[in-house]
N, C-alpha and C. Protein backbone atom coordinates (compact mmCIF):
# COMPACT_ATOMS: atom_id res chain seq x y z
N MET A 1 16.29 -7.72 78.16
CA MET A 1 15.55 -6.69 77.50
C MET A 1 16.15 -6.29 76.16
N ILE A 2 17.38 -6.41 76.02
CA ILE A 2 18.03 -6.02 74.77
C ILE A 2 17.58 -6.96 73.65
N ALA A 3 17.42 -8.22 73.91
CA ALA A 3 16.99 -9.17 72.89
C ALA A 3 15.59 -8.85 72.40
N ASN A 4 14.71 -8.42 73.25
CA ASN A 4 13.35 -8.09 72.84
C ASN A 4 13.30 -6.80 72.02
N ALA A 5 14.22 -5.88 72.25
CA ALA A 5 14.22 -4.61 71.53
C ALA A 5 14.59 -4.79 70.05
N THR A 6 15.36 -5.81 69.66
CA THR A 6 15.78 -6.01 68.27
C THR A 6 14.70 -6.67 67.43
N LYS A 7 13.78 -7.36 68.02
CA LYS A 7 12.73 -8.03 67.25
C LYS A 7 11.86 -7.06 66.45
N PRO A 8 11.37 -5.94 66.99
CA PRO A 8 10.60 -5.02 66.16
C PRO A 8 11.45 -4.43 65.04
N GLU A 9 12.73 -4.19 65.28
CA GLU A 9 13.60 -3.67 64.22
C GLU A 9 13.75 -4.69 63.10
N ALA A 10 13.89 -5.96 63.40
CA ALA A 10 14.04 -7.00 62.38
C ALA A 10 12.77 -7.11 61.55
N GLY A 11 11.63 -6.97 62.13
CA GLY A 11 10.37 -7.01 61.40
C GLY A 11 10.23 -5.81 60.47
N MET A 12 10.74 -4.66 60.92
CA MET A 12 10.68 -3.46 60.11
C MET A 12 11.60 -3.58 58.90
N VAL A 13 12.77 -4.16 59.06
CA VAL A 13 13.70 -4.34 57.94
C VAL A 13 13.09 -5.30 56.91
N LEU A 14 12.45 -6.35 57.41
CA LEU A 14 11.79 -7.30 56.52
C LEU A 14 10.66 -6.62 55.74
N LEU A 15 9.87 -5.80 56.40
CA LEU A 15 8.79 -5.08 55.75
C LEU A 15 9.33 -4.10 54.70
N LEU A 16 10.37 -3.37 55.04
CA LEU A 16 10.98 -2.43 54.08
C LEU A 16 11.58 -3.19 52.89
N GLY A 17 12.19 -4.31 53.14
CA GLY A 17 12.76 -5.14 52.07
C GLY A 17 11.68 -5.64 51.12
N LEU A 18 10.53 -6.08 51.68
CA LEU A 18 9.41 -6.54 50.84
C LEU A 18 8.82 -5.39 50.02
N LEU A 19 8.68 -4.22 50.63
CA LEU A 19 8.18 -3.05 49.90
C LEU A 19 9.14 -2.67 48.76
N PHE A 20 10.41 -2.71 49.02
CA PHE A 20 11.42 -2.39 48.00
C PHE A 20 11.37 -3.39 46.85
N LEU A 21 11.27 -4.68 47.17
CA LEU A 21 11.19 -5.70 46.13
C LEU A 21 9.89 -5.57 45.31
N THR A 22 8.79 -5.23 45.97
CA THR A 22 7.52 -5.01 45.26
C THR A 22 7.64 -3.84 44.30
N ALA A 23 8.26 -2.75 44.76
CA ALA A 23 8.45 -1.58 43.89
C ALA A 23 9.33 -1.93 42.69
N LEU A 24 10.40 -2.68 42.92
CA LEU A 24 11.27 -3.09 41.82
C LEU A 24 10.54 -4.02 40.84
N THR A 25 9.71 -4.90 41.34
CA THR A 25 8.94 -5.80 40.47
C THR A 25 7.96 -5.01 39.61
N LEU A 26 7.25 -4.06 40.21
CA LEU A 26 6.33 -3.23 39.45
C LEU A 26 7.06 -2.39 38.40
N LEU A 27 8.20 -1.88 38.75
CA LEU A 27 9.00 -1.10 37.80
C LEU A 27 9.47 -1.99 36.64
N GLY A 28 9.88 -3.20 36.92
CA GLY A 28 10.30 -4.14 35.88
C GLY A 28 9.16 -4.54 34.96
N LEU A 29 7.97 -4.80 35.54
CA LEU A 29 6.80 -5.15 34.73
C LEU A 29 6.39 -3.99 33.83
N SER A 30 6.46 -2.78 34.37
CA SER A 30 6.12 -1.60 33.57
C SER A 30 7.10 -1.43 32.41
N ALA A 31 8.37 -1.62 32.67
CA ALA A 31 9.39 -1.48 31.62
C ALA A 31 9.22 -2.56 30.55
N SER A 32 8.90 -3.79 30.97
CA SER A 32 8.73 -4.85 29.97
C SER A 32 7.46 -4.63 29.14
N ALA A 33 6.39 -4.13 29.76
CA ALA A 33 5.17 -3.82 29.00
C ALA A 33 5.45 -2.71 28.00
N ASP A 34 6.23 -1.71 28.38
CA ASP A 34 6.60 -0.63 27.48
C ASP A 34 7.45 -1.16 26.32
N ALA A 35 8.37 -2.06 26.62
CA ALA A 35 9.21 -2.65 25.57
C ALA A 35 8.37 -3.47 24.59
N ILE A 36 7.40 -4.21 25.09
CA ILE A 36 6.52 -5.00 24.22
C ILE A 36 5.70 -4.07 23.32
N LEU A 37 5.17 -2.99 23.89
CA LEU A 37 4.41 -2.02 23.11
C LEU A 37 5.29 -1.38 22.02
N GLN A 38 6.49 -0.99 22.38
CA GLN A 38 7.41 -0.40 21.40
C GLN A 38 7.74 -1.39 20.28
N ASN A 39 7.89 -2.64 20.62
CA ASN A 39 8.17 -3.68 19.63
C ASN A 39 6.99 -3.84 18.67
N GLN A 40 5.76 -3.83 19.20
CA GLN A 40 4.57 -3.94 18.35
C GLN A 40 4.42 -2.71 17.45
N LEU A 41 4.71 -1.53 17.97
CA LEU A 41 4.65 -0.31 17.15
C LEU A 41 5.67 -0.36 16.02
N ALA A 42 6.86 -0.84 16.32
CA ALA A 42 7.90 -0.96 15.29
C ALA A 42 7.50 -1.98 14.23
N ALA A 43 6.89 -3.08 14.64
CA ALA A 43 6.45 -4.10 13.68
C ALA A 43 5.34 -3.55 12.79
N ASN A 44 4.40 -2.79 13.36
CA ASN A 44 3.33 -2.19 12.56
C ASN A 44 3.89 -1.17 11.57
N LEU A 45 4.85 -0.38 12.01
CA LEU A 45 5.47 0.60 11.12
C LEU A 45 6.21 -0.10 9.98
N ARG A 46 6.91 -1.19 10.30
CA ARG A 46 7.62 -1.95 9.27
C ARG A 46 6.64 -2.52 8.24
N GLU A 47 5.51 -3.04 8.70
CA GLU A 47 4.50 -3.58 7.78
C GLU A 47 3.89 -2.49 6.91
N SER A 48 3.61 -1.34 7.50
CA SER A 48 3.06 -0.21 6.73
C SER A 48 4.05 0.25 5.67
N GLU A 49 5.32 0.33 6.02
CA GLU A 49 6.34 0.73 5.05
C GLU A 49 6.51 -0.31 3.95
N ARG A 50 6.43 -1.59 4.32
CA ARG A 50 6.53 -2.65 3.31
C ARG A 50 5.38 -2.54 2.31
N ALA A 51 4.17 -2.31 2.81
CA ALA A 51 3.01 -2.16 1.92
C ALA A 51 3.17 -0.93 1.03
N LYS A 52 3.63 0.18 1.60
CA LYS A 52 3.80 1.40 0.83
C LYS A 52 4.87 1.24 -0.26
N GLN A 53 5.98 0.61 0.08
CA GLN A 53 7.04 0.40 -0.91
C GLN A 53 6.56 -0.52 -2.03
N SER A 54 5.77 -1.52 -1.69
CA SER A 54 5.22 -2.42 -2.70
C SER A 54 4.25 -1.66 -3.61
N ALA A 55 3.43 -0.78 -3.02
CA ALA A 55 2.48 0.01 -3.81
C ALA A 55 3.22 0.99 -4.72
N LEU A 56 4.28 1.60 -4.23
CA LEU A 56 5.06 2.53 -5.06
C LEU A 56 5.72 1.81 -6.23
N ALA A 57 6.25 0.61 -5.98
CA ALA A 57 6.87 -0.17 -7.06
C ALA A 57 5.82 -0.57 -8.10
N THR A 58 4.64 -0.97 -7.63
CA THR A 58 3.56 -1.34 -8.55
C THR A 58 3.09 -0.14 -9.35
N GLN A 59 2.97 0.99 -8.70
CA GLN A 59 2.56 2.21 -9.39
C GLN A 59 3.55 2.58 -10.49
N SER A 60 4.81 2.53 -10.17
CA SER A 60 5.85 2.84 -11.16
C SER A 60 5.78 1.88 -12.34
N TRP A 61 5.58 0.59 -12.03
CA TRP A 61 5.50 -0.41 -13.10
C TRP A 61 4.28 -0.16 -13.99
N ALA A 62 3.13 0.11 -13.39
CA ALA A 62 1.89 0.33 -14.16
C ALA A 62 2.00 1.58 -15.02
N GLU A 63 2.56 2.65 -14.47
CA GLU A 63 2.73 3.88 -15.25
C GLU A 63 3.66 3.64 -16.44
N ASP A 64 4.79 2.98 -16.18
CA ASP A 64 5.73 2.70 -17.27
C ASP A 64 5.09 1.83 -18.34
N TRP A 65 4.30 0.84 -17.91
CA TRP A 65 3.64 -0.04 -18.88
C TRP A 65 2.71 0.76 -19.78
N LEU A 66 1.90 1.64 -19.19
CA LEU A 66 0.95 2.44 -19.96
C LEU A 66 1.67 3.44 -20.86
N LEU A 67 2.72 4.05 -20.37
CA LEU A 67 3.45 5.03 -21.18
C LEU A 67 4.21 4.36 -22.33
N ASP A 68 4.61 3.11 -22.16
CA ASP A 68 5.31 2.38 -23.23
C ASP A 68 4.37 1.74 -24.23
N LEU A 69 3.08 1.73 -23.96
CA LEU A 69 2.11 1.09 -24.85
C LEU A 69 2.08 1.81 -26.20
N GLN A 70 2.14 1.05 -27.26
CA GLN A 70 2.18 1.62 -28.61
C GLN A 70 0.80 1.50 -29.26
N GLY A 71 0.60 2.27 -30.33
CA GLY A 71 -0.63 2.18 -31.09
C GLY A 71 -1.58 3.31 -30.74
N SER A 72 -2.85 3.05 -30.98
CA SER A 72 -3.86 4.06 -30.69
C SER A 72 -4.33 3.92 -29.25
N ALA A 73 -5.04 4.93 -28.79
CA ALA A 73 -5.51 4.95 -27.40
C ALA A 73 -6.46 3.79 -27.13
N PRO A 74 -6.27 3.07 -26.02
CA PRO A 74 -7.21 2.00 -25.68
C PRO A 74 -8.57 2.59 -25.33
N LEU A 75 -9.60 1.92 -25.75
CA LEU A 75 -10.95 2.40 -25.52
C LEU A 75 -11.43 2.02 -24.12
N PRO A 76 -12.15 2.92 -23.46
CA PRO A 76 -12.72 2.55 -22.16
C PRO A 76 -13.90 1.62 -22.36
N CYS A 77 -14.02 0.63 -21.50
CA CYS A 77 -15.15 -0.30 -21.60
C CYS A 77 -15.43 -0.92 -20.23
N LEU A 78 -16.63 -1.39 -20.04
CA LEU A 78 -17.04 -1.95 -18.76
C LEU A 78 -16.59 -3.39 -18.56
N THR A 79 -16.21 -4.05 -19.62
CA THR A 79 -15.63 -5.38 -19.55
C THR A 79 -14.32 -5.34 -20.34
N PRO A 80 -13.39 -6.26 -20.12
CA PRO A 80 -12.12 -6.19 -20.84
C PRO A 80 -12.31 -6.16 -22.36
N CYS A 81 -11.79 -5.11 -22.99
CA CYS A 81 -11.86 -4.95 -24.44
C CYS A 81 -10.47 -5.18 -25.02
N GLU A 82 -10.37 -6.06 -25.97
CA GLU A 82 -9.08 -6.36 -26.61
C GLU A 82 -8.01 -6.66 -25.56
N GLY A 83 -8.40 -7.30 -24.47
CA GLY A 83 -7.46 -7.70 -23.44
C GLY A 83 -7.19 -6.66 -22.38
N LEU A 84 -7.62 -5.43 -22.58
CA LEU A 84 -7.32 -4.38 -21.62
C LEU A 84 -8.61 -3.83 -21.03
N TYR A 85 -8.67 -3.72 -19.74
CA TYR A 85 -9.85 -3.24 -19.04
C TYR A 85 -9.58 -1.81 -18.59
N VAL A 86 -9.99 -0.83 -19.39
CA VAL A 86 -9.86 0.58 -19.06
C VAL A 86 -11.23 1.06 -18.61
N HIS A 87 -11.34 1.42 -17.36
CA HIS A 87 -12.62 1.85 -16.82
C HIS A 87 -12.97 3.24 -17.35
N PRO A 88 -14.22 3.46 -17.75
CA PRO A 88 -14.64 4.80 -18.15
C PRO A 88 -14.63 5.74 -16.94
N ALA A 89 -14.48 7.02 -17.20
CA ALA A 89 -14.47 8.02 -16.13
C ALA A 89 -15.76 7.93 -15.31
N GLY A 90 -15.63 7.93 -14.00
CA GLY A 90 -16.77 7.91 -13.10
C GLY A 90 -17.36 6.54 -12.82
N GLU A 91 -16.81 5.48 -13.41
CA GLU A 91 -17.36 4.14 -13.23
C GLU A 91 -16.82 3.45 -11.96
N LEU A 92 -15.67 3.88 -11.49
CA LEU A 92 -15.06 3.28 -10.30
C LEU A 92 -15.76 3.79 -9.04
N PRO A 93 -15.69 3.03 -7.94
CA PRO A 93 -16.29 3.49 -6.68
C PRO A 93 -15.65 4.80 -6.23
N ARG A 94 -16.40 5.55 -5.47
CA ARG A 94 -15.90 6.84 -5.01
C ARG A 94 -14.69 6.69 -4.09
N PHE A 95 -14.68 5.66 -3.26
CA PHE A 95 -13.58 5.41 -2.34
C PHE A 95 -13.00 4.02 -2.59
N PRO A 96 -12.21 3.85 -3.64
CA PRO A 96 -11.68 2.51 -3.95
C PRO A 96 -10.70 1.99 -2.91
N GLU A 97 -10.17 2.87 -2.10
CA GLU A 97 -9.21 2.43 -1.08
C GLU A 97 -9.84 1.54 -0.02
N PHE A 98 -11.18 1.54 0.06
CA PHE A 98 -11.86 0.70 1.05
C PHE A 98 -12.46 -0.57 0.44
N GLU A 99 -12.23 -0.79 -0.85
CA GLU A 99 -12.72 -2.02 -1.50
C GLU A 99 -11.84 -3.20 -1.08
N ASP A 100 -12.44 -4.39 -1.01
CA ASP A 100 -11.68 -5.57 -0.61
C ASP A 100 -10.86 -6.12 -1.78
N LEU A 101 -10.03 -7.10 -1.49
CA LEU A 101 -9.14 -7.67 -2.50
C LEU A 101 -9.92 -8.26 -3.67
N GLY A 102 -11.09 -8.83 -3.41
CA GLY A 102 -11.91 -9.41 -4.48
C GLY A 102 -12.27 -8.39 -5.54
N TRP A 103 -12.60 -7.18 -5.11
CA TRP A 103 -12.91 -6.12 -6.07
C TRP A 103 -11.70 -5.81 -6.93
N TRP A 104 -10.54 -5.71 -6.31
CA TRP A 104 -9.31 -5.40 -7.05
C TRP A 104 -8.97 -6.51 -8.04
N LEU A 105 -9.17 -7.76 -7.64
CA LEU A 105 -8.89 -8.88 -8.53
C LEU A 105 -9.84 -8.89 -9.72
N THR A 106 -11.08 -8.47 -9.52
CA THR A 106 -12.08 -8.44 -10.60
C THR A 106 -11.84 -7.29 -11.56
N HIS A 107 -11.47 -6.12 -11.06
CA HIS A 107 -11.40 -4.92 -11.88
C HIS A 107 -9.98 -4.49 -12.27
N GLY A 108 -8.98 -5.19 -11.79
CA GLY A 108 -7.62 -4.74 -12.04
C GLY A 108 -6.70 -5.83 -12.53
N TYR A 109 -5.41 -5.54 -12.42
CA TYR A 109 -4.36 -6.43 -12.90
C TYR A 109 -3.31 -6.61 -11.82
N GLU A 110 -2.71 -7.79 -11.81
CA GLU A 110 -1.61 -8.03 -10.89
C GLU A 110 -0.36 -7.36 -11.43
N ALA A 111 0.42 -6.77 -10.54
CA ALA A 111 1.65 -6.09 -10.94
C ALA A 111 2.61 -7.09 -11.56
N GLY A 112 3.26 -6.66 -12.62
CA GLY A 112 4.26 -7.49 -13.29
C GLY A 112 3.72 -8.36 -14.39
N ILE A 113 2.40 -8.42 -14.56
CA ILE A 113 1.78 -9.22 -15.61
C ILE A 113 1.23 -8.29 -16.69
N ASP A 114 1.61 -8.53 -17.93
CA ASP A 114 1.13 -7.73 -19.04
C ASP A 114 -0.35 -8.00 -19.24
N PRO A 115 -1.21 -6.98 -19.12
CA PRO A 115 -2.66 -7.20 -19.26
C PRO A 115 -3.06 -7.69 -20.65
N LEU A 116 -2.30 -7.33 -21.67
CA LEU A 116 -2.66 -7.72 -23.03
C LEU A 116 -2.32 -9.17 -23.34
N SER A 117 -1.16 -9.63 -22.87
CA SER A 117 -0.74 -11.00 -23.20
C SER A 117 -0.93 -11.98 -22.05
N GLY A 118 -1.06 -11.48 -20.82
CA GLY A 118 -1.15 -12.36 -19.67
C GLY A 118 0.20 -12.91 -19.25
N GLU A 119 1.25 -12.47 -19.90
CA GLU A 119 2.61 -12.96 -19.64
C GLU A 119 3.21 -12.20 -18.45
N ARG A 120 3.89 -12.95 -17.57
CA ARG A 120 4.57 -12.31 -16.45
C ARG A 120 5.87 -11.70 -16.96
N LEU A 121 5.96 -10.38 -16.86
CA LEU A 121 7.14 -9.66 -17.33
C LEU A 121 8.18 -9.49 -16.23
N THR A 122 7.71 -9.37 -15.02
CA THR A 122 8.62 -9.24 -13.87
C THR A 122 7.92 -9.77 -12.64
N SER A 123 8.70 -10.07 -11.63
CA SER A 123 8.13 -10.60 -10.39
C SER A 123 8.33 -9.58 -9.28
N PHE A 124 7.29 -9.40 -8.48
CA PHE A 124 7.36 -8.50 -7.35
C PHE A 124 7.49 -9.34 -6.09
N ALA A 125 8.71 -9.56 -5.63
CA ALA A 125 8.95 -10.33 -4.41
C ALA A 125 8.95 -9.37 -3.23
N THR A 126 7.77 -9.03 -2.76
CA THR A 126 7.64 -8.02 -1.72
C THR A 126 7.37 -8.61 -0.34
N GLY A 127 7.13 -9.88 -0.25
CA GLY A 127 6.75 -10.45 1.03
C GLY A 127 5.33 -10.10 1.42
N SER A 128 4.50 -9.76 0.44
CA SER A 128 3.11 -9.39 0.70
C SER A 128 2.24 -10.62 0.82
N ILE A 129 1.20 -10.51 1.62
CA ILE A 129 0.25 -11.61 1.74
C ILE A 129 -0.64 -11.69 0.49
N ASP A 130 -0.94 -10.53 -0.12
CA ASP A 130 -1.75 -10.46 -1.33
C ASP A 130 -0.90 -9.92 -2.47
N PRO A 131 -1.21 -10.29 -3.71
CA PRO A 131 -0.45 -9.73 -4.83
C PRO A 131 -0.77 -8.24 -4.99
N PRO A 132 0.23 -7.42 -5.30
CA PRO A 132 -0.06 -6.01 -5.56
C PRO A 132 -0.88 -5.88 -6.84
N MET A 133 -1.90 -5.03 -6.81
CA MET A 133 -2.85 -4.89 -7.92
C MET A 133 -2.90 -3.45 -8.39
N TRP A 134 -3.29 -3.26 -9.66
CA TRP A 134 -3.49 -1.91 -10.19
C TRP A 134 -4.72 -1.88 -11.09
N VAL A 135 -5.37 -0.71 -11.11
CA VAL A 135 -6.59 -0.48 -11.88
C VAL A 135 -6.36 0.79 -12.68
N ILE A 136 -6.87 0.82 -13.91
CA ILE A 136 -6.70 1.99 -14.77
C ILE A 136 -8.06 2.54 -15.16
N GLU A 137 -8.15 3.87 -15.15
CA GLU A 137 -9.38 4.57 -15.52
C GLU A 137 -9.03 5.70 -16.49
N LEU A 138 -9.79 5.81 -17.55
CA LEU A 138 -9.64 6.96 -18.46
C LEU A 138 -10.34 8.13 -17.79
N ALA A 139 -9.55 9.03 -17.22
CA ALA A 139 -10.13 10.15 -16.47
C ALA A 139 -10.65 11.24 -17.38
N HIS A 140 -9.92 11.50 -18.48
CA HIS A 140 -10.34 12.57 -19.39
C HIS A 140 -9.64 12.38 -20.73
N GLN A 141 -10.35 12.73 -21.78
CA GLN A 141 -9.76 12.66 -23.12
C GLN A 141 -10.29 13.85 -23.91
N ILE A 142 -9.38 14.56 -24.57
CA ILE A 142 -9.80 15.70 -25.38
C ILE A 142 -10.34 15.14 -26.69
N PRO A 143 -11.59 15.41 -27.02
CA PRO A 143 -12.22 14.80 -28.20
C PRO A 143 -11.49 15.09 -29.51
N THR A 144 -10.99 16.29 -29.71
CA THR A 144 -10.35 16.63 -30.98
C THR A 144 -8.85 16.40 -30.96
N SER A 145 -8.35 15.81 -29.89
CA SER A 145 -6.91 15.60 -29.75
C SER A 145 -6.65 14.12 -29.48
N THR A 146 -5.39 13.77 -29.46
CA THR A 146 -5.01 12.41 -29.12
C THR A 146 -4.49 12.33 -27.68
N GLN A 147 -4.68 13.39 -26.91
CA GLN A 147 -4.18 13.43 -25.54
C GLN A 147 -5.22 12.86 -24.57
N SER A 148 -4.73 12.01 -23.66
CA SER A 148 -5.59 11.35 -22.68
C SER A 148 -4.98 11.46 -21.29
N TRP A 149 -5.85 11.53 -20.28
CA TRP A 149 -5.43 11.50 -18.89
C TRP A 149 -5.96 10.21 -18.28
N TYR A 150 -5.10 9.51 -17.58
CA TYR A 150 -5.46 8.24 -16.95
C TYR A 150 -5.22 8.33 -15.45
N ARG A 151 -6.14 7.74 -14.70
CA ARG A 151 -5.98 7.60 -13.26
C ARG A 151 -5.59 6.15 -13.00
N ILE A 152 -4.49 5.96 -12.31
CA ILE A 152 -4.02 4.62 -11.96
C ILE A 152 -4.13 4.48 -10.45
N LEU A 153 -4.85 3.44 -10.02
CA LEU A 153 -5.00 3.12 -8.60
C LEU A 153 -4.22 1.85 -8.32
N VAL A 154 -3.51 1.85 -7.21
CA VAL A 154 -2.66 0.71 -6.84
C VAL A 154 -2.97 0.30 -5.42
N ARG A 155 -3.02 -1.03 -5.19
CA ARG A 155 -3.24 -1.58 -3.84
C ARG A 155 -2.16 -2.60 -3.55
N ALA A 156 -1.53 -2.49 -2.39
CA ALA A 156 -0.53 -3.47 -1.97
C ALA A 156 -0.66 -3.67 -0.46
N SER A 157 -0.21 -4.82 0.00
CA SER A 157 -0.29 -5.13 1.43
C SER A 157 1.06 -5.57 1.94
N GLY A 158 1.15 -5.69 3.26
CA GLY A 158 2.35 -6.22 3.89
C GLY A 158 2.21 -7.73 4.07
N GLU A 159 2.88 -8.25 5.08
CA GLU A 159 2.81 -9.69 5.34
C GLU A 159 1.48 -10.09 5.95
N THR A 160 0.72 -9.11 6.43
CA THR A 160 -0.62 -9.36 6.98
C THR A 160 -1.59 -8.40 6.32
N ASP A 161 -2.88 -8.64 6.53
CA ASP A 161 -3.90 -7.73 6.00
C ASP A 161 -4.06 -6.46 6.85
N ASN A 162 -3.28 -6.35 7.91
CA ASN A 162 -3.38 -5.16 8.76
C ASN A 162 -2.76 -3.94 8.11
N ALA A 163 -1.83 -4.14 7.19
CA ALA A 163 -1.15 -3.02 6.53
C ALA A 163 -1.47 -3.05 5.04
N ILE A 164 -2.30 -2.11 4.60
CA ILE A 164 -2.67 -1.99 3.19
C ILE A 164 -2.39 -0.56 2.75
N SER A 165 -1.76 -0.44 1.60
CA SER A 165 -1.47 0.88 1.05
C SER A 165 -2.17 1.01 -0.30
N VAL A 166 -2.85 2.14 -0.49
CA VAL A 166 -3.52 2.43 -1.76
C VAL A 166 -3.02 3.79 -2.23
N ILE A 167 -2.52 3.82 -3.47
CA ILE A 167 -1.96 5.04 -4.04
C ILE A 167 -2.67 5.33 -5.35
N GLU A 168 -2.85 6.61 -5.63
CA GLU A 168 -3.49 7.06 -6.86
C GLU A 168 -2.54 8.01 -7.58
N SER A 169 -2.43 7.85 -8.88
CA SER A 169 -1.66 8.81 -9.67
C SER A 169 -2.42 9.11 -10.95
N THR A 170 -2.12 10.25 -11.54
CA THR A 170 -2.70 10.64 -12.82
C THR A 170 -1.55 10.84 -13.79
N ILE A 171 -1.66 10.21 -14.93
CA ILE A 171 -0.65 10.41 -15.98
C ILE A 171 -1.37 10.90 -17.23
N THR A 172 -0.63 11.57 -18.07
CA THR A 172 -1.17 12.01 -19.34
C THR A 172 -0.20 11.65 -20.44
N ARG A 173 -0.74 11.40 -21.60
CA ARG A 173 0.07 11.07 -22.77
C ARG A 173 -0.75 11.29 -24.03
N THR A 174 -0.07 11.38 -25.14
CA THR A 174 -0.75 11.44 -26.42
C THR A 174 -0.53 10.12 -27.13
N TRP A 175 -1.38 9.84 -28.08
CA TRP A 175 -1.31 8.59 -28.84
C TRP A 175 -1.07 8.92 -30.31
N SER A 176 -0.59 7.94 -31.07
CA SER A 176 -0.39 8.19 -32.50
C SER A 176 -1.73 8.42 -33.15
N ASN A 177 -1.71 9.29 -34.13
CA ASN A 177 -2.95 9.51 -34.86
C ASN A 177 -2.76 9.15 -36.32
N ASP A 178 -3.77 9.34 -37.10
CA ASP A 178 -3.78 8.88 -38.48
C ASP A 178 -2.77 9.60 -39.38
N ASP A 179 -2.28 10.77 -38.97
CA ASP A 179 -1.35 11.49 -39.84
C ASP A 179 0.08 10.97 -39.72
N GLY A 180 0.30 9.96 -38.89
CA GLY A 180 1.62 9.35 -38.77
C GLY A 180 2.54 10.06 -37.80
N SER A 181 2.07 11.08 -37.11
CA SER A 181 2.93 11.79 -36.16
C SER A 181 3.21 10.91 -34.95
N GLU A 182 4.38 11.12 -34.39
CA GLU A 182 4.80 10.34 -33.22
C GLU A 182 4.05 10.83 -31.98
N PRO A 183 3.71 9.91 -31.07
CA PRO A 183 3.04 10.33 -29.84
C PRO A 183 4.00 11.08 -28.92
N LEU A 184 3.48 12.02 -28.17
CA LEU A 184 4.24 12.76 -27.18
C LEU A 184 3.91 12.15 -25.82
N ILE A 185 4.91 11.57 -25.19
CA ILE A 185 4.71 10.95 -23.89
C ILE A 185 4.97 12.02 -22.83
N ILE A 186 4.01 12.27 -21.99
CA ILE A 186 4.14 13.33 -20.98
C ILE A 186 4.56 12.73 -19.63
N GLY A 187 3.75 11.89 -19.03
CA GLY A 187 4.09 11.26 -17.75
C GLY A 187 3.15 11.64 -16.63
N ARG A 188 3.64 11.50 -15.40
CA ARG A 188 2.82 11.71 -14.21
C ARG A 188 2.58 13.20 -13.98
N VAL A 189 1.32 13.53 -13.70
CA VAL A 189 0.97 14.92 -13.40
C VAL A 189 0.49 15.09 -11.96
N SER A 190 0.09 14.01 -11.30
CA SER A 190 -0.31 14.11 -9.89
C SER A 190 -0.13 12.75 -9.22
N TRP A 191 -0.07 12.81 -7.89
CA TRP A 191 0.13 11.60 -7.08
C TRP A 191 -0.42 11.89 -5.69
N ARG A 192 -1.06 10.87 -5.09
CA ARG A 192 -1.46 10.99 -3.69
C ARG A 192 -1.66 9.62 -3.07
N GLU A 193 -1.46 9.57 -1.77
CA GLU A 193 -1.66 8.33 -1.01
C GLU A 193 -3.07 8.36 -0.43
N LEU A 194 -3.86 7.35 -0.76
CA LEU A 194 -5.25 7.29 -0.29
C LEU A 194 -5.39 6.56 1.03
N ARG A 195 -4.53 5.55 1.24
CA ARG A 195 -4.62 4.75 2.46
C ARG A 195 -3.26 4.23 2.83
């Protein structure tokens, strides 16, 4: 009789062992799924930051280029005038942050390339899938003055098209006028991230 009494106990230990192993397996699968999710979130954040840093570098370059430009104020026109495509106020789409890369390539300039000469002045090695682009718009100009306000829009991406950053800034400056006075360079007056 003693031999028969241990058989139900052995079956119970086996059942408890299987339940314990099942619980450990489920716990391990849950932890690995959480680790995979955390890894994907970190990769998305890294791509978003890469796109944003590329957009900020492009914005800085475009602003510096416009502020260093000598001569009289460039005229706004719907097609490139004298090598420079300055969009008239209100001509750009209301939400340029949602325009595709083709629109940016048609209406803007690649970062690091002088729009007037087409010469590459610097290289942006950002690891982006698309070249960082910038667009310039004459937002406002005082008719009796040489002071102008420009809106600069910048688009940059990460290593994939999943991370795109669009930044807008407004700069103001004066231009030389006929009396020979030196222009007063003002700089950035506003900045915001659109996407």
